[in-house]
């Protein structure tokens, strides 16, 4: 288990979040025998022909479902999915942006 509750994810510092995302991807996609956290850089491509992790569409679905369950963030549509899952950095940024409190103006 990466952490105990959804509330804990809202206070994560960026480096901790990226480490947790690497662990999540390795665990969810069954890559434990092939990769360690240190093998995944924050900026390398996660999806596509040049991606070292060799993730397929089922892996992406599993990652998306785990992110929804753990972080309370839904990756909606293929356009958002491609953008969010470009790299660990973009995924962490996406989660942090979606978790950020929205501020509304009083009229």
Protein backbone atom coordinates (compact mmCIF):
# COMPACT_ATOMS: atom_id res chain seq x y z
CA UNK A 1 0.00 0.00 0.00
CA UNK A 2 1.37 3.37 -0.98
CA UNK A 3 -0.38 5.39 1.78
CA UNK A 4 -3.21 5.13 4.25
CA UNK A 5 -5.84 7.57 3.02
CA UNK A 6 -6.84 9.87 0.21
CA UNK A 7 -6.29 12.88 2.49
CA UNK A 8 -2.60 12.00 2.75
CA UNK A 9 -2.20 12.37 -1.01
CA UNK A 10 -3.27 16.01 -0.94
CA UNK A 11 -0.30 17.02 1.18
CA UNK A 12 2.44 15.14 -0.66
CA UNK A 13 5.48 17.01 -1.78
CA UNK A 14 6.22 16.66 -5.51
CA UNK A 15 9.18 14.29 -5.09
CA UNK A 16 7.23 11.93 -2.85
CA UNK A 17 4.33 11.92 -5.30
CA UNK A 18 6.65 11.04 -8.20
CA UNK A 19 8.21 8.18 -6.21
CA UNK A 20 4.76 6.86 -5.36
CA UNK A 21 3.67 7.06 -8.99
CA UNK A 22 6.70 5.04 -10.06
CA UNK A 23 5.82 2.40 -7.46
CA UNK A 24 2.18 2.42 -8.57
CA UNK A 25 3.12 1.89 -12.23
CA UNK A 26 5.56 -0.91 -11.45
CA UNK A 27 3.03 -2.66 -9.19
CA UNK A 28 -0.10 -2.14 -11.30
CA UNK A 29 1.57 -3.23 -14.52
CA UNK A 30 3.42 -6.24 -13.11
CA UNK A 31 6.86 -4.82 -13.90
CA UNK A 32 8.44 -5.77 -10.56
CA UNK A 33 10.79 -8.27 -12.18
CA UNK A 34 11.87 -5.86 -14.92
CA UNK A 35 12.13 -2.42 -13.30
CA UNK A 36 12.94 -0.66 -10.05
CA UNK A 37 11.94 2.87 -9.08
CA UNK A 38 15.46 4.10 -9.88
CA UNK A 39 15.12 2.80 -13.45
CA UNK A 40 12.32 5.26 -14.25
CA UNK A 41 13.26 8.89 -14.78
CA UNK A 42 10.78 11.67 -14.12
CA UNK A 43 10.86 12.85 -17.73
CA UNK A 44 11.11 9.72 -19.86
CA UNK A 45 8.17 8.80 -22.06
CA UNK A 46 5.74 6.37 -20.43
CA UNK A 47 3.66 5.43 -23.47
CA UNK A 48 4.54 4.84 -27.10
CA UNK A 49 7.07 3.01 -29.22
CA UNK A 50 10.07 4.68 -27.57
CA UNK A 51 8.85 4.09 -24.01
CA UNK A 52 11.18 1.78 -22.07
CA UNK A 53 8.39 0.45 -19.82
CA UNK A 54 6.53 -1.02 -22.81
CA UNK A 55 3.09 -0.18 -21.38
CA UNK A 56 0.04 -1.27 -23.33
CA UNK A 57 -3.57 -0.04 -23.28
CA UNK A 58 -4.51 -2.42 -20.45
CA UNK A 59 -1.61 -1.07 -18.38
CA UNK A 60 -2.83 2.49 -19.00
CA UNK A 61 -6.35 1.52 -17.91
CA UNK A 62 -5.00 -0.09 -14.73
CA UNK A 63 -2.87 2.98 -13.96
CA UNK A 64 -5.84 5.30 -14.55
CA UNK A 65 -8.10 3.24 -12.27
CA UNK A 66 -5.46 3.13 -9.53
CA UNK A 67 -4.96 6.89 -9.74
CA UNK A 68 -8.70 7.42 -9.37
CA UNK A 69 -8.86 5.08 -6.38
CA UNK A 70 -5.73 6.31 -4.61
CA UNK A 71 -5.56 10.00 -5.49
CA UNK A 72 -9.23 10.69 -6.21
CA UNK A 73 -8.32 12.07 -9.63
CA UNK A 74 -10.05 10.89 -12.77
CA UNK A 75 -8.19 10.99 -16.06
CA UNK A 76 -10.95 11.77 -18.52
CA UNK A 77 -10.75 10.91 -22.20
CA UNK A 78 -7.91 9.85 -24.40
CA UNK A 79 -6.65 13.41 -24.94
CA UNK A 80 -6.26 14.04 -21.19
CA UNK A 81 -4.87 10.54 -20.77
CA UNK A 82 -2.16 11.02 -23.39
CA UNK A 83 -1.23 14.38 -21.93
CA UNK A 84 -1.23 13.21 -18.29
CA UNK A 85 0.64 9.98 -18.97
CA UNK A 86 3.42 11.53 -21.03
CA UNK A 87 5.89 11.09 -18.15
CA UNK A 88 6.02 10.73 -14.39
CA UNK A 89 6.46 14.52 -14.16
CA UNK A 90 3.37 15.27 -16.26
CA UNK A 91 1.34 12.70 -14.34
CA UNK A 92 2.37 14.20 -10.99
CA UNK A 93 1.56 17.70 -12.26
CA UNK A 94 -1.83 16.52 -13.54
CA UNK A 95 -2.72 14.96 -10.17
CA UNK A 96 -1.57 17.99 -8.17
CA UNK A 97 -3.50 20.37 -10.45
CA UNK A 98 -6.67 18.31 -10.20
CA UNK A 99 -6.36 18.08 -6.42
CA UNK A 100 -5.71 21.80 -5.99
CA UNK A 101 -8.61 23.59 -4.33
CA UNK A 102 -10.64 25.68 -6.68
CA UNK A 103 -11.13 29.28 -5.72
CA UNK A 104 -14.30 31.06 -6.74
CA UNK A 105 -15.04 34.73 -6.65
CA UNK A 106 -17.97 35.95 -4.65
CA UNK A 107 -20.30 38.09 -6.71
